[in-house]
């Protein structure tokens, strides 16, 4: 199992606001980079394509109010994964960190680890940027 972690981002919203935002995949489109196309989402599931790479599907597996959202791979994906959105209450702000636990063979890990790390860091930094919308 490969574990990839994002940096922690500080979001200028309460843990409850961040949790509510991240609990609905329809909000995730605002966080996605321009390389993501064919975005489709309901509250609990989404699918998309990363240009030149792969198509991915995700669904919410588990939620712990205001602190944790677990998202698992769904449908056709190149590897199985579990992504954890961890939210820490910091009074007037929230800390958000993403962890991806992926079932990748060594070759895939070598090719995908850096782009996936960059992707997770982009998601949390974009969340901090758009915190006014959260």
C-alpha atoms as a PDB file:
ATOM      1  CA  UNK A   1       0.000   0.000   0.000  1.00  0.00           C
ATOM      2  CA  UNK A   2       1.321   3.428  -0.959  1.00  0.00           C
ATOM      3  CA  UNK A   3       0.481   6.431   1.230  1.00  0.00           C
ATOM      4  CA  UNK A   4       0.660   9.926  -0.230  1.00  0.00           C
ATOM      5  CA  UNK A   5      -0.004  13.025   1.874  1.00  0.00           C
ATOM      6  CA  UNK A   6      -0.719  16.636   1.013  1.00  0.00           C
ATOM      7  CA  UNK A   7       0.586  19.608   2.895  1.00  0.00           C
ATOM      8  CA  UNK A   8      -1.804  21.005   5.490  1.00  0.00           C
ATOM      9  CA  UNK A   9      -3.683  24.076   4.285  1.00  0.00           C
ATOM     10  CA  UNK A  10      -5.250  26.694   6.535  1.00  0.00           C
ATOM     11  CA  UNK A  11      -8.768  27.600   5.467  1.00  0.00           C
ATOM     12  CA  UNK A  12     -10.444  30.740   6.798  1.00  0.00           C
ATOM     13  CA  UNK A  13     -13.661  28.918   7.665  1.00  0.00           C
ATOM     14  CA  UNK A  14     -14.912  26.794  10.549  1.00  0.00           C
ATOM     15  CA  UNK A  15     -14.407  23.031  10.529  1.00  0.00           C
ATOM     16  CA  UNK A  16     -18.169  22.656  10.098  1.00  0.00           C
ATOM     17  CA  UNK A  17     -18.215  24.886   6.979  1.00  0.00           C
ATOM     18  CA  UNK A  18     -15.257  23.037   5.424  1.00  0.00           C
ATOM     19  CA  UNK A  19     -16.799  19.656   6.264  1.00  0.00           C
ATOM     20  CA  UNK A  20     -20.133  20.679   4.696  1.00  0.00           C
ATOM     21  CA  UNK A  21     -18.359  21.881   1.540  1.00  0.00           C
ATOM     22  CA  UNK A  22     -16.228  18.733   1.157  1.00  0.00           C
ATOM     23  CA  UNK A  23     -19.169  16.429   1.932  1.00  0.00           C
ATOM     24  CA  UNK A  24     -20.737  17.274  -1.445  1.00  0.00           C
ATOM     25  CA  UNK A  25     -18.845  16.241  -4.594  1.00  0.00           C
ATOM     26  CA  UNK A  26     -20.714  18.895  -6.577  1.00  0.00           C
ATOM     27  CA  UNK A  27     -18.418  21.417  -4.816  1.00  0.00           C
ATOM     28  CA  UNK A  28     -15.220  19.595  -5.806  1.00  0.00           C
ATOM     29  CA  UNK A  29     -15.350  20.881  -9.382  1.00  0.00           C
ATOM     30  CA  UNK A  30     -14.232  24.285  -8.029  1.00  0.00           C
ATOM     31  CA  UNK A  31     -11.069  22.621  -6.686  1.00  0.00           C
ATOM     32  CA  UNK A  32     -10.085  20.718  -9.821  1.00  0.00           C
ATOM     33  CA  UNK A  33      -7.214  21.795 -12.087  1.00  0.00           C
ATOM     34  CA  UNK A  34      -7.858  22.573 -15.744  1.00  0.00           C
ATOM     35  CA  UNK A  35      -6.502  19.141 -16.769  1.00  0.00           C
ATOM     36  CA  UNK A  36      -9.668  17.588 -15.304  1.00  0.00           C
ATOM     37  CA  UNK A  37     -12.386  17.137 -17.936  1.00  0.00           C
ATOM     38  CA  UNK A  38     -15.699  15.256 -18.225  1.00  0.00           C
ATOM     39  CA  UNK A  39     -16.625  16.144 -14.637  1.00  0.00           C
ATOM     40  CA  UNK A  40     -19.837  14.483 -13.426  1.00  0.00           C
ATOM     41  CA  UNK A  41     -20.997  14.614  -9.815  1.00  0.00           C
ATOM     42  CA  UNK A  42     -23.813  13.946  -7.413  1.00  0.00           C
ATOM     43  CA  UNK A  43     -23.591  14.694  -3.708  1.00  0.00           C
ATOM     44  CA  UNK A  44     -21.973  11.301  -2.934  1.00  0.00           C
ATOM     45  CA  UNK A  45     -20.206  10.252  -6.185  1.00  0.00           C
ATOM     46  CA  UNK A  46     -18.154  11.747  -8.986  1.00  0.00           C
ATOM     47  CA  UNK A  47     -16.235  10.743 -12.087  1.00  0.00           C
ATOM     48  CA  UNK A  48     -13.774  12.633 -14.247  1.00  0.00           C
ATOM     49  CA  UNK A  49     -10.871  12.288 -16.640  1.00  0.00           C
ATOM     50  CA  UNK A  50      -7.389  13.705 -16.140  1.00  0.00           C
ATOM     51  CA  UNK A  51      -6.199  14.680 -19.636  1.00  0.00           C
ATOM     52  CA  UNK A  52      -3.497  12.342 -20.883  1.00  0.00           C
ATOM     53  CA  UNK A  53      -3.688  10.106 -17.817  1.00  0.00           C
ATOM     54  CA  UNK A  54      -6.768   8.248 -16.610  1.00  0.00           C
ATOM     55  CA  UNK A  55     -10.444   8.284 -15.825  1.00  0.00           C
ATOM     56  CA  UNK A  56     -11.330   8.109 -12.154  1.00  0.00           C
ATOM     57  CA  UNK A  57     -14.444   7.578 -10.096  1.00  0.00           C
ATOM     58  CA  UNK A  58     -14.894   8.305  -6.404  1.00  0.00           C
ATOM     59  CA  UNK A  59     -17.624   7.898  -3.832  1.00  0.00           C
ATOM     60  CA  UNK A  60     -17.973   8.916  -0.212  1.00  0.00           C
ATOM     61  CA  UNK A  61     -17.435   5.892   2.004  1.00  0.00           C
ATOM     62  CA  UNK A  62     -17.656   7.330   5.493  1.00  0.00           C
ATOM     63  CA  UNK A  63     -18.114  10.682   7.250  1.00  0.00           C
ATOM     64  CA  UNK A  64     -17.291  11.803  10.774  1.00  0.00           C
ATOM     65  CA  UNK A  65     -18.937  15.212  11.266  1.00  0.00           C
ATOM     66  CA  UNK A  66     -16.593  18.176  11.078  1.00  0.00           C
ATOM     67  CA  UNK A  67     -13.358  16.130  11.137  1.00  0.00           C
ATOM     68  CA  UNK A  68     -13.076  13.328   8.539  1.00  0.00           C
ATOM     69  CA  UNK A  69     -14.444  12.340   5.131  1.00  0.00           C
ATOM     70  CA  UNK A  70     -13.306   9.054   3.602  1.00  0.00           C
ATOM     71  CA  UNK A  71     -13.553   8.740  -0.161  1.00  0.00           C
ATOM     72  CA  UNK A  72     -12.950   5.494  -2.043  1.00  0.00           C
ATOM     73  CA  UNK A  73     -12.339   4.624  -5.665  1.00  0.00           C
ATOM     74  CA  UNK A  74     -15.412   3.730  -7.663  1.00  0.00           C
ATOM     75  CA  UNK A  75     -15.999   2.228 -11.103  1.00  0.00           C
ATOM     76  CA  UNK A  76     -13.100   1.830 -13.502  1.00  0.00           C
ATOM     77  CA  UNK A  77      -9.931   3.212 -11.973  1.00  0.00           C
ATOM     78  CA  UNK A  78      -6.301   2.267 -12.692  1.00  0.00           C
ATOM     79  CA  UNK A  79      -5.841   1.370  -8.989  1.00  0.00           C
ATOM     80  CA  UNK A  80      -7.930   1.106  -5.832  1.00  0.00           C
ATOM     81  CA  UNK A  81      -7.569   3.912  -3.319  1.00  0.00           C
ATOM     82  CA  UNK A  82      -8.933   5.489  -0.164  1.00  0.00           C
ATOM     83  CA  UNK A  83      -8.600   9.253   0.241  1.00  0.00           C
ATOM     84  CA  UNK A  84      -9.021  10.808   3.667  1.00  0.00           C
ATOM     85  CA  UNK A  85      -9.964  14.466   4.073  1.00  0.00           C
ATOM     86  CA  UNK A  86      -8.885  15.356   7.594  1.00  0.00           C
ATOM     87  CA  UNK A  87     -10.227  18.607   9.036  1.00  0.00           C
ATOM     88  CA  UNK A  88      -8.829  20.146  12.217  1.00  0.00           C
ATOM     89  CA  UNK A  89     -10.649  22.916  14.068  1.00  0.00           C
ATOM     90  CA  UNK A  90      -8.304  25.853  14.729  1.00  0.00           C
ATOM     91  CA  UNK A  91     -10.815  28.322  16.220  1.00  0.00           C
ATOM     92  CA  UNK A  92     -11.472  30.848  13.411  1.00  0.00           C
ATOM     93  CA  UNK A  93      -9.753  28.643  10.808  1.00  0.00           C
ATOM     94  CA  UNK A  94      -9.512  24.993   9.864  1.00  0.00           C
ATOM     95  CA  UNK A  95      -6.557  22.852   8.936  1.00  0.00           C
ATOM     96  CA  UNK A  96      -7.165  20.523   5.999  1.00  0.00           C
ATOM     97  CA  UNK A  97      -4.912  17.663   4.969  1.00  0.00           C
ATOM     98  CA  UNK A  98      -5.503  14.934   2.378  1.00  0.00           C
ATOM     99  CA  UNK A  99      -4.063  11.440   2.540  1.00  0.00           C
ATOM    100  CA  UNK A 100      -4.308   8.939  -0.296  1.00  0.00           C
ATOM    101  CA  UNK A 101      -3.803   5.239   0.395  1.00  0.00           C
ATOM    102  CA  UNK A 102      -3.402   3.546  -2.973  1.00  0.00           C
ATOM    103  CA  UNK A 103      -2.974  -0.046  -4.075  1.00  0.00           C
ATOM    104  CA  UNK A 104      -0.262   0.447  -6.724  1.00  0.00           C
ATOM    105  CA  UNK A 105       2.398  -1.853  -8.067  1.00  0.00           C
ATOM    106  CA  UNK A 106       6.001  -0.530  -7.818  1.00  0.00           C
ATOM    107  CA  UNK A 107       6.088   0.605 -11.473  1.00  0.00           C
ATOM    108  CA  UNK A 108       2.834   2.552 -11.173  1.00  0.00           C
ATOM    109  CA  UNK A 109       3.958   4.030  -7.853  1.00  0.00           C
ATOM    110  CA  UNK A 110       7.152   5.297  -9.465  1.00  0.00           C
ATOM    111  CA  UNK A 111       5.197   7.030 -12.248  1.00  0.00           C
ATOM    112  CA  UNK A 112       2.219   8.281 -10.229  1.00  0.00           C
ATOM    113  CA  UNK A 113       3.548   9.292  -6.812  1.00  0.00           C
ATOM    114  CA  UNK A 114       4.788  12.786  -7.721  1.00  0.00           C
ATOM    115  CA  UNK A 115       1.744  13.762  -9.877  1.00  0.00           C
ATOM    116  CA  UNK A 116      -0.621  12.485  -7.152  1.00  0.00           C
ATOM    117  CA  UNK A 117       1.243  14.428  -4.446  1.00  0.00           C
ATOM    118  CA  UNK A 118       1.022  17.566  -6.602  1.00  0.00           C
ATOM    119  CA  UNK A 119      -2.692  16.897  -7.200  1.00  0.00           C
ATOM    120  CA  UNK A 120      -3.457  16.572  -3.460  1.00  0.00           C
ATOM    121  CA  UNK A 121      -1.458  19.731  -2.687  1.00  0.00           C
ATOM    122  CA  UNK A 122      -3.324  21.570  -5.426  1.00  0.00           C
ATOM    123  CA  UNK A 123      -6.703  20.521  -3.994  1.00  0.00           C
ATOM    124  CA  UNK A 124      -5.932  21.788  -0.484  1.00  0.00           C
ATOM    125  CA  UNK A 125      -4.322  25.025  -1.687  1.00  0.00           C
ATOM    126  CA  UNK A 126      -7.302  25.700  -3.971  1.00  0.00           C
ATOM    127  CA  UNK A 127      -9.629  25.056  -1.012  1.00  0.00           C
ATOM    128  CA  UNK A 128      -7.736  27.686   0.994  1.00  0.00           C
ATOM    129  CA  UNK A 129      -7.930  30.120  -1.959  1.00  0.00           C
ATOM    130  CA  UNK A 130     -11.683  29.795  -2.466  1.00  0.00           C
ATOM    131  CA  UNK A 131     -12.519  29.726   1.240  1.00  0.00           C
ATOM    132  CA  UNK A 132     -14.837  32.702   0.756  1.00  0.00           C
ATOM    133  CA  UNK A 133     -17.096  30.367  -1.256  1.00  0.00           C
ATOM    134  CA  UNK A 134     -16.933  27.516   1.260  1.00  0.00           C
END
